[in-house]
Amino acid sequence: MTVCGAVRAFRNLPTSALTKIAQIASPPTTYQAGELISDGQGEQALLLVVAGKAKVSLLSVDGNENILYLLKGGDVDGQAALFVRQPRLARLIEAVYPTTVIRLRHDAFQDLLASSPLLARELLNSFGARLA
């Protein structure tokens, strides 16, 4: 299974479709513990944690950190960003341990779907199988 096969939305896709998606993914980037991975503002992308652990949090008005959830190897953040263009909640994503991530940008993913009707159909069928 390719790295993109770890994304739940892509799990039922054939290897050929996963390969096409992997070709538009960013190169893996490794962040050290304490480094900010993404502030979530303006980035229309899915974030896939390849390895490591990151915390996703919000800062309250009084400056206190509220941890929303943790991401570990194989987890994703922002699947909806591939399909819907909407403002994302201003939150912090910080590496807890050395953490490697890849990104799938909204625009690149949408261009891929437009250029590959077969891939778009396979993705719809994958979603349909999950709904059933």
N, C-alpha and C. Protein backbone atom coordinates (compact mmCIF):
# COMPACT_ATOMS: atom_id res chain seq x y z
N MET A 1 0.84 -1.18 0.00
CA MET A 1 0.00 0.00 0.00
C MET A 1 0.89 1.24 0.00
N THR A 2 0.55 2.21 -0.82
CA THR A 2 1.30 3.47 -0.82
C THR A 2 0.94 4.27 0.42
N VAL A 3 1.69 5.34 0.66
CA VAL A 3 1.41 6.20 1.80
C VAL A 3 -0.01 6.74 1.70
N CYS A 4 -0.45 7.09 0.49
CA CYS A 4 -1.81 7.63 0.32
C CYS A 4 -2.87 6.59 0.63
N GLY A 5 -2.52 5.33 0.59
CA GLY A 5 -3.46 4.27 0.94
C GLY A 5 -3.85 4.30 2.41
N ALA A 6 -3.07 5.03 3.23
CA ALA A 6 -3.39 5.16 4.64
C ALA A 6 -4.55 6.13 4.87
N VAL A 7 -4.87 6.94 3.88
CA VAL A 7 -5.98 7.88 4.00
C VAL A 7 -7.29 7.12 3.87
N ARG A 8 -8.14 7.24 4.87
CA ARG A 8 -9.37 6.45 4.91
C ARG A 8 -10.20 6.62 3.64
N ALA A 9 -10.28 7.81 3.12
CA ALA A 9 -11.08 8.06 1.92
C ALA A 9 -10.54 7.33 0.70
N PHE A 10 -9.26 6.95 0.75
CA PHE A 10 -8.62 6.32 -0.40
C PHE A 10 -8.43 4.81 -0.24
N ARG A 11 -8.80 4.26 0.91
CA ARG A 11 -8.48 2.86 1.23
C ARG A 11 -8.94 1.84 0.22
N ASN A 12 -10.09 2.04 -0.38
CA ASN A 12 -10.63 1.05 -1.30
C ASN A 12 -10.22 1.28 -2.75
N LEU A 13 -9.37 2.26 -2.99
CA LEU A 13 -8.96 2.55 -4.35
C LEU A 13 -7.91 1.55 -4.83
N PRO A 14 -7.90 1.25 -6.13
CA PRO A 14 -6.86 0.36 -6.66
C PRO A 14 -5.49 1.03 -6.61
N THR A 15 -4.46 0.21 -6.67
CA THR A 15 -3.09 0.70 -6.60
C THR A 15 -2.79 1.76 -7.66
N SER A 16 -3.33 1.59 -8.86
CA SER A 16 -3.08 2.56 -9.93
C SER A 16 -3.60 3.95 -9.55
N ALA A 17 -4.76 4.01 -8.89
CA ALA A 17 -5.32 5.29 -8.46
C ALA A 17 -4.48 5.89 -7.34
N LEU A 18 -4.05 5.05 -6.40
CA LEU A 18 -3.20 5.53 -5.30
C LEU A 18 -1.89 6.09 -5.82
N THR A 19 -1.35 5.47 -6.86
CA THR A 19 -0.10 5.94 -7.45
C THR A 19 -0.29 7.34 -8.04
N LYS A 20 -1.41 7.57 -8.73
CA LYS A 20 -1.68 8.89 -9.30
C LYS A 20 -1.81 9.95 -8.20
N ILE A 21 -2.46 9.60 -7.13
CA ILE A 21 -2.62 10.55 -6.02
C ILE A 21 -1.26 10.83 -5.37
N ALA A 22 -0.46 9.79 -5.19
CA ALA A 22 0.87 9.97 -4.59
C ALA A 22 1.75 10.89 -5.42
N GLN A 23 1.55 10.90 -6.73
CA GLN A 23 2.36 11.74 -7.61
C GLN A 23 2.11 13.23 -7.39
N ILE A 24 0.96 13.60 -6.87
CA ILE A 24 0.68 15.02 -6.62
C ILE A 24 0.94 15.42 -5.17
N ALA A 25 1.30 14.45 -4.33
CA ALA A 25 1.57 14.74 -2.93
C ALA A 25 2.89 15.49 -2.79
N SER A 26 2.98 16.30 -1.76
CA SER A 26 4.24 16.99 -1.49
C SER A 26 5.29 15.97 -1.06
N PRO A 27 6.56 16.32 -1.21
CA PRO A 27 7.60 15.43 -0.66
C PRO A 27 7.45 15.38 0.86
N PRO A 28 7.83 14.26 1.47
CA PRO A 28 7.75 14.19 2.94
C PRO A 28 8.62 15.25 3.59
N THR A 29 8.08 15.87 4.64
CA THR A 29 8.81 16.88 5.41
C THR A 29 8.82 16.42 6.86
N THR A 30 9.98 16.47 7.49
CA THR A 30 10.10 16.06 8.89
C THR A 30 10.28 17.30 9.77
N TYR A 31 9.48 17.34 10.83
CA TYR A 31 9.52 18.41 11.81
C TYR A 31 10.02 17.84 13.12
N GLN A 32 10.85 18.59 13.83
CA GLN A 32 11.36 18.15 15.13
C GLN A 32 10.35 18.49 16.22
N ALA A 33 10.46 17.82 17.36
CA ALA A 33 9.55 18.06 18.48
C ALA A 33 9.52 19.55 18.80
N GLY A 34 8.31 20.07 18.94
CA GLY A 34 8.14 21.49 19.25
C GLY A 34 7.97 22.38 18.05
N GLU A 35 8.29 21.88 16.86
CA GLU A 35 8.14 22.70 15.66
C GLU A 35 6.68 22.76 15.22
N LEU A 36 6.30 23.94 14.75
CA LEU A 36 4.95 24.15 14.24
C LEU A 36 4.86 23.55 12.84
N ILE A 37 3.90 22.66 12.63
CA ILE A 37 3.71 22.02 11.33
C ILE A 37 2.83 22.89 10.45
N SER A 38 1.72 23.38 11.00
CA SER A 38 0.80 24.19 10.21
C SER A 38 -0.08 24.95 11.17
N ASP A 39 -0.38 26.18 10.79
CA ASP A 39 -1.30 26.93 11.64
C ASP A 39 -2.74 26.77 11.18
N GLY A 40 -2.95 26.06 10.05
CA GLY A 40 -4.29 25.79 9.58
C GLY A 40 -4.98 26.94 8.89
N GLN A 41 -4.35 28.10 8.82
CA GLN A 41 -4.99 29.25 8.21
C GLN A 41 -4.63 29.33 6.74
N GLY A 42 -5.65 29.29 5.91
CA GLY A 42 -5.44 29.48 4.49
C GLY A 42 -4.94 28.28 3.73
N GLU A 43 -4.52 27.24 4.42
CA GLU A 43 -4.00 26.08 3.73
C GLU A 43 -5.13 25.14 3.35
N GLN A 44 -5.35 25.00 2.06
CA GLN A 44 -6.39 24.09 1.57
C GLN A 44 -5.69 22.79 1.19
N ALA A 45 -5.45 21.95 2.18
CA ALA A 45 -4.72 20.71 1.94
C ALA A 45 -5.04 19.68 3.01
N LEU A 46 -4.92 18.43 2.60
CA LEU A 46 -4.98 17.32 3.54
C LEU A 46 -3.57 17.12 4.07
N LEU A 47 -3.43 16.92 5.34
CA LEU A 47 -2.14 16.65 5.97
C LEU A 47 -2.14 15.20 6.41
N LEU A 48 -1.17 14.42 5.95
CA LEU A 48 -1.05 13.01 6.32
C LEU A 48 0.22 12.84 7.14
N VAL A 49 0.05 12.31 8.35
CA VAL A 49 1.20 12.03 9.21
C VAL A 49 1.75 10.67 8.81
N VAL A 50 2.95 10.66 8.27
CA VAL A 50 3.60 9.42 7.84
C VAL A 50 4.16 8.70 9.06
N ALA A 51 4.80 9.45 9.94
CA ALA A 51 5.40 8.88 11.15
C ALA A 51 5.50 9.97 12.20
N GLY A 52 5.48 9.56 13.46
CA GLY A 52 5.62 10.52 14.55
C GLY A 52 4.30 10.81 15.21
N LYS A 53 4.23 11.96 15.89
CA LYS A 53 3.01 12.36 16.59
C LYS A 53 2.96 13.88 16.63
N ALA A 54 1.75 14.41 16.43
CA ALA A 54 1.54 15.86 16.48
C ALA A 54 0.26 16.15 17.26
N LYS A 55 0.25 17.29 17.91
CA LYS A 55 -0.97 17.69 18.62
C LYS A 55 -1.62 18.84 17.87
N VAL A 56 -2.93 18.81 17.85
CA VAL A 56 -3.72 19.85 17.21
C VAL A 56 -4.42 20.59 18.33
N SER A 57 -4.23 21.91 18.39
CA SER A 57 -4.78 22.66 19.50
C SER A 57 -5.26 24.04 19.05
N LEU A 58 -6.04 24.65 19.93
CA LEU A 58 -6.51 26.02 19.77
C LEU A 58 -5.99 26.83 20.95
N LEU A 59 -5.70 28.08 20.71
CA LEU A 59 -5.35 28.98 21.81
C LEU A 59 -6.60 29.77 22.17
N SER A 60 -6.91 29.78 23.45
CA SER A 60 -8.07 30.55 23.91
C SER A 60 -7.71 32.04 23.93
N VAL A 61 -8.72 32.86 24.12
CA VAL A 61 -8.53 34.31 24.15
C VAL A 61 -7.52 34.69 25.23
N ASP A 62 -7.51 33.96 26.34
CA ASP A 62 -6.58 34.28 27.42
C ASP A 62 -5.22 33.61 27.25
N GLY A 63 -4.99 32.97 26.08
CA GLY A 63 -3.68 32.40 25.77
C GLY A 63 -3.47 30.97 26.22
N ASN A 64 -4.48 30.33 26.78
CA ASN A 64 -4.35 28.93 27.19
C ASN A 64 -4.50 28.01 25.99
N GLU A 65 -3.71 26.95 25.99
CA GLU A 65 -3.78 25.96 24.92
C GLU A 65 -4.83 24.91 25.24
N ASN A 66 -5.71 24.66 24.27
CA ASN A 66 -6.72 23.61 24.40
C ASN A 66 -6.41 22.56 23.34
N ILE A 67 -5.92 21.39 23.78
CA ILE A 67 -5.58 20.32 22.84
C ILE A 67 -6.88 19.68 22.35
N LEU A 68 -7.04 19.65 21.03
CA LEU A 68 -8.24 19.08 20.41
C LEU A 68 -8.09 17.58 20.20
N TYR A 69 -6.94 17.18 19.62
CA TYR A 69 -6.67 15.77 19.37
C TYR A 69 -5.22 15.59 19.00
N LEU A 70 -4.80 14.33 18.99
CA LEU A 70 -3.43 13.97 18.59
C LEU A 70 -3.48 13.25 17.26
N LEU A 71 -2.47 13.46 16.43
CA LEU A 71 -2.30 12.76 15.17
C LEU A 71 -1.07 11.88 15.27
N LYS A 72 -1.19 10.63 14.83
CA LYS A 72 -0.03 9.73 14.83
C LYS A 72 0.13 9.16 13.43
N GLY A 73 1.15 8.36 13.21
CA GLY A 73 1.41 7.77 11.90
C GLY A 73 0.17 7.16 11.29
N GLY A 74 -0.16 7.57 10.06
CA GLY A 74 -1.34 7.06 9.36
C GLY A 74 -2.57 7.94 9.52
N ASP A 75 -2.54 8.88 10.48
CA ASP A 75 -3.68 9.78 10.67
C ASP A 75 -3.63 10.94 9.69
N VAL A 76 -4.79 11.48 9.41
CA VAL A 76 -4.89 12.63 8.51
C VAL A 76 -5.65 13.75 9.18
N ASP A 77 -5.41 14.95 8.70
CA ASP A 77 -6.13 16.12 9.16
C ASP A 77 -6.56 16.90 7.92
N GLY A 78 -7.83 17.22 7.83
CA GLY A 78 -8.30 18.07 6.76
C GLY A 78 -8.75 17.38 5.50
N GLN A 79 -9.34 16.17 5.58
CA GLN A 79 -9.81 15.49 4.36
C GLN A 79 -10.78 16.36 3.58
N ALA A 80 -11.63 17.09 4.26
CA ALA A 80 -12.63 17.91 3.57
C ALA A 80 -11.97 18.97 2.69
N ALA A 81 -10.75 19.37 3.02
CA ALA A 81 -10.06 20.40 2.24
C ALA A 81 -9.81 19.95 0.80
N LEU A 82 -9.80 18.65 0.54
CA LEU A 82 -9.61 18.18 -0.83
C LEU A 82 -10.83 18.44 -1.69
N PHE A 83 -12.00 18.51 -1.07
CA PHE A 83 -13.24 18.57 -1.83
C PHE A 83 -13.97 19.90 -1.71
N VAL A 84 -13.83 20.58 -0.59
CA VAL A 84 -14.57 21.80 -0.33
C VAL A 84 -13.60 22.92 0.01
N ARG A 85 -13.79 24.05 -0.63
CA ARG A 85 -12.97 25.22 -0.31
C ARG A 85 -13.70 26.02 0.77
N GLN A 86 -13.17 25.98 1.97
CA GLN A 86 -13.78 26.72 3.07
C GLN A 86 -12.69 27.15 4.04
N PRO A 87 -12.93 28.24 4.75
CA PRO A 87 -11.92 28.67 5.73
C PRO A 87 -11.75 27.59 6.80
N ARG A 88 -10.51 27.40 7.19
CA ARG A 88 -10.25 26.41 8.24
C ARG A 88 -10.10 27.12 9.57
N LEU A 89 -10.48 26.41 10.59
CA LEU A 89 -10.36 26.92 11.94
C LEU A 89 -8.89 27.24 12.24
N ALA A 90 -8.65 28.38 12.81
CA ALA A 90 -7.27 28.77 13.15
C ALA A 90 -6.80 27.93 14.33
N ARG A 91 -6.00 26.93 14.07
CA ARG A 91 -5.49 26.05 15.10
C ARG A 91 -4.02 25.80 14.86
N LEU A 92 -3.37 25.25 15.86
CA LEU A 92 -1.95 24.96 15.77
C LEU A 92 -1.75 23.46 15.63
N ILE A 93 -0.81 23.07 14.79
CA ILE A 93 -0.40 21.67 14.69
C ILE A 93 1.09 21.65 15.00
N GLU A 94 1.45 20.99 16.08
CA GLU A 94 2.83 21.00 16.56
C GLU A 94 3.34 19.58 16.73
N ALA A 95 4.55 19.33 16.25
CA ALA A 95 5.17 18.01 16.41
C ALA A 95 5.44 17.76 17.89
N VAL A 96 5.03 16.58 18.36
CA VAL A 96 5.31 16.17 19.74
C VAL A 96 6.62 15.41 19.77
N TYR A 97 6.84 14.58 18.77
CA TYR A 97 8.08 13.85 18.52
C TYR A 97 8.50 14.21 17.10
N PRO A 98 9.70 13.82 16.65
CA PRO A 98 10.00 14.04 15.23
C PRO A 98 8.85 13.44 14.40
N THR A 99 8.30 14.26 13.52
CA THR A 99 7.09 13.89 12.79
C THR A 99 7.25 14.20 11.31
N THR A 100 6.96 13.20 10.49
CA THR A 100 7.06 13.34 9.04
C THR A 100 5.66 13.42 8.46
N VAL A 101 5.43 14.41 7.59
CA VAL A 101 4.12 14.62 6.99
C VAL A 101 4.23 14.82 5.49
N ILE A 102 3.14 14.53 4.80
CA ILE A 102 3.00 14.92 3.39
C ILE A 102 1.67 15.67 3.29
N ARG A 103 1.55 16.46 2.24
CA ARG A 103 0.33 17.23 2.01
C ARG A 103 -0.22 16.93 0.62
N LEU A 104 -1.53 16.94 0.53
CA LEU A 104 -2.22 16.90 -0.76
C LEU A 104 -2.99 18.20 -0.86
N ARG A 105 -2.58 19.06 -1.79
CA ARG A 105 -3.24 20.35 -1.95
C ARG A 105 -4.56 20.23 -2.69
N HIS A 106 -5.53 21.02 -2.30
CA HIS A 106 -6.86 21.04 -2.90
C HIS A 106 -6.79 21.22 -4.41
N ASP A 107 -6.07 22.25 -4.85
CA ASP A 107 -6.02 22.56 -6.29
C ASP A 107 -5.43 21.41 -7.11
N ALA A 108 -4.34 20.84 -6.63
CA ALA A 108 -3.70 19.73 -7.36
C ALA A 108 -4.63 18.52 -7.39
N PHE A 109 -5.33 18.25 -6.29
CA PHE A 109 -6.24 17.11 -6.24
C PHE A 109 -7.42 17.33 -7.19
N GLN A 110 -7.98 18.53 -7.18
CA GLN A 110 -9.10 18.82 -8.08
C GLN A 110 -8.68 18.73 -9.55
N ASP A 111 -7.47 19.21 -9.86
CA ASP A 111 -6.95 19.11 -11.23
C ASP A 111 -6.80 17.64 -11.64
N LEU A 112 -6.32 16.82 -10.71
CA LEU A 112 -6.17 15.39 -10.99
C LEU A 112 -7.52 14.75 -11.29
N LEU A 113 -8.53 15.07 -10.49
CA LEU A 113 -9.86 14.52 -10.73
C LEU A 113 -10.40 14.96 -12.08
N ALA A 114 -10.17 16.22 -12.45
CA ALA A 114 -10.66 16.73 -13.74
C ALA A 114 -9.97 16.05 -14.91
N SER A 115 -8.71 15.69 -14.73
CA SER A 115 -7.95 15.08 -15.82
C SER A 115 -8.10 13.57 -15.89
N SER A 116 -8.70 12.98 -14.86
CA SER A 116 -8.83 11.54 -14.82
C SER A 116 -10.23 11.13 -14.38
N PRO A 117 -11.17 11.09 -15.33
CA PRO A 117 -12.53 10.68 -14.98
C PRO A 117 -12.59 9.28 -14.34
N LEU A 118 -11.70 8.39 -14.76
CA LEU A 118 -11.68 7.05 -14.18
C LEU A 118 -11.35 7.12 -12.69
N LEU A 119 -10.36 7.94 -12.34
CA LEU A 119 -10.01 8.11 -10.93
C LEU A 119 -11.18 8.71 -10.17
N ALA A 120 -11.84 9.71 -10.73
CA ALA A 120 -12.99 10.32 -10.07
C ALA A 120 -14.08 9.28 -9.84
N ARG A 121 -14.33 8.42 -10.82
CA ARG A 121 -15.34 7.37 -10.67
C ARG A 121 -14.93 6.37 -9.59
N GLU A 122 -13.66 5.97 -9.58
CA GLU A 122 -13.18 5.03 -8.56
C GLU A 122 -13.32 5.63 -7.16
N LEU A 123 -13.05 6.92 -7.04
CA LEU A 123 -13.17 7.59 -5.75
C LEU A 123 -14.64 7.64 -5.31
N LEU A 124 -15.54 7.95 -6.23
CA LEU A 124 -16.97 7.93 -5.91
C LEU A 124 -17.42 6.53 -5.50
N ASN A 125 -16.95 5.52 -6.21
CA ASN A 125 -17.30 4.14 -5.85
C ASN A 125 -16.76 3.77 -4.48
N SER A 126 -15.56 4.25 -4.16
CA SER A 126 -14.97 4.00 -2.85
C SER A 126 -15.82 4.62 -1.76
N PHE A 127 -16.25 5.87 -1.98
CA PHE A 127 -17.12 6.53 -1.01
C PHE A 127 -18.44 5.79 -0.88
N GLY A 128 -18.98 5.36 -2.02
CA GLY A 128 -20.24 4.61 -2.01
C GLY A 128 -20.14 3.32 -1.22
N ALA A 129 -19.03 2.62 -1.37
CA ALA A 129 -18.81 1.38 -0.61
C ALA A 129 -18.76 1.66 0.88
N ARG A 130 -18.15 2.77 1.26
CA ARG A 130 -18.08 3.12 2.69
C ARG A 130 -19.46 3.48 3.23
N LEU A 131 -20.27 4.16 2.40
CA LEU A 131 -21.62 4.53 2.84
C LEU A 131 -22.52 3.31 3.00
N ALA A 132 -22.35 2.34 2.10
CA ALA A 132 -23.19 1.14 2.13
C ALA A 132 -22.83 0.31 3.34
